[in-house]
Amino acid sequence: MPWYQFTPLGLPRDPTDPNQYTLVGSVPSSCPGSNDILCSIQANDNMGHPIITVALISEMVRALENKTTTVNVFLKP
């Protein structure tokens, strides 16, 4: 599955919105210059945007709560 960097363009910042991600390829981005804790997600592709499932949202929540990168969620180092 490809990786997508969280790249919101203003407010609101919504990590569940597929339009707020940029396809980056086979490895997660290191998110240089970003102030967001959530850096990248790994998900199936839908025409250049991630398919954000309920399971992936749950994984994002767990990663943010535990401040730990997971299999499909990469947090800013």
Protein backbone atom coordinates (compact mmCIF):
# COMPACT_ATOMS: atom_id res chain seq x y z
CA MET A 1 0.00 0.00 0.00
CA PRO A 2 1.21 3.52 -0.68
CA TRP A 3 1.95 6.21 1.90
CA TYR A 4 0.26 9.62 2.02
CA GLN A 5 1.58 12.70 3.84
CA PHE A 6 -0.93 14.74 5.83
CA THR A 7 -0.87 18.11 4.04
CA PRO A 8 -3.85 20.21 5.12
CA LEU A 9 -4.16 23.58 3.40
CA GLY A 10 -5.50 25.69 6.23
CA LEU A 11 -8.38 25.08 8.58
CA PRO A 12 -10.00 22.86 9.52
CA ARG A 13 -7.26 20.25 9.75
CA ASP A 14 -9.13 16.98 9.34
CA PRO A 15 -7.07 13.77 9.26
CA THR A 16 -10.18 11.82 8.18
CA ASP A 17 -10.47 13.88 4.95
CA PRO A 18 -8.72 12.08 2.06
CA ASN A 19 -8.29 15.42 0.25
CA GLN A 20 -5.88 16.60 2.96
CA TYR A 21 -3.23 14.03 1.98
CA THR A 22 -0.56 13.93 -0.71
CA LEU A 23 0.61 10.63 -2.22
CA VAL A 24 4.33 10.14 -1.38
CA GLY A 25 5.00 6.55 -2.51
CA SER A 26 6.35 3.41 -0.90
CA VAL A 27 7.95 4.96 2.22
CA PRO A 28 6.50 7.46 4.70
CA SER A 29 7.58 11.09 4.46
CA SER A 30 9.69 12.55 7.27
CA CYS A 31 7.43 15.66 7.18
CA PRO A 32 10.09 18.36 7.11
CA GLY A 33 8.77 21.75 8.14
CA SER A 34 5.42 20.40 9.27
CA ASN A 35 3.94 21.32 12.65
CA ASP A 36 1.53 18.39 12.58
CA ILE A 37 2.11 15.40 14.86
CA LEU A 38 0.41 13.11 12.33
CA CYS A 39 2.87 12.80 9.48
CA SER A 40 1.81 10.04 7.07
CA ILE A 41 -0.64 7.19 6.71
CA GLN A 42 -0.51 4.00 4.68
CA ALA A 43 -3.76 3.15 2.91
CA ASN A 44 -5.24 1.74 -0.26
CA ASP A 45 -5.40 4.21 -3.13
CA ASN A 46 -8.46 5.86 -4.67
CA MET A 47 -7.26 7.96 -7.63
CA GLY A 48 -4.33 9.48 -5.73
CA HIS A 49 -6.12 9.80 -2.39
CA PRO A 50 -6.15 7.38 0.55
CA ILE A 51 -9.14 5.23 1.37
CA ILE A 52 -9.61 6.06 5.05
CA THR A 53 -11.47 3.23 6.76
CA VAL A 54 -12.92 3.09 10.26
CA ALA A 55 -10.09 0.70 11.19
CA LEU A 56 -7.49 3.21 9.96
CA ILE A 57 -9.15 6.06 11.88
CA SER A 58 -9.02 3.89 15.02
CA GLU A 59 -5.33 3.20 14.38
CA MET A 60 -4.67 6.94 13.98
CA VAL A 61 -6.40 7.65 17.28
CA ARG A 62 -4.40 4.93 19.08
CA ALA A 63 -1.12 6.17 17.57
CA LEU A 64 -1.81 9.74 18.64
CA GLU A 65 -2.97 8.74 22.13
CA ASN A 66 0.10 6.54 22.67
CA LYS A 67 2.44 8.92 20.78
CA THR A 68 3.76 5.89 18.90
CA THR A 69 4.09 5.17 15.19
CA THR A 70 2.13 2.09 14.07
CA VAL A 71 2.12 -0.13 10.99
CA ASN A 72 -0.05 2.29 8.99
CA VAL A 73 0.40 5.58 10.87
CA PHE A 74 3.72 7.44 10.92
CA LEU A 75 4.05 10.19 13.52
CA LYS A 76 6.52 13.05 13.23
CA PRO A 77 9.80 12.01 14.89
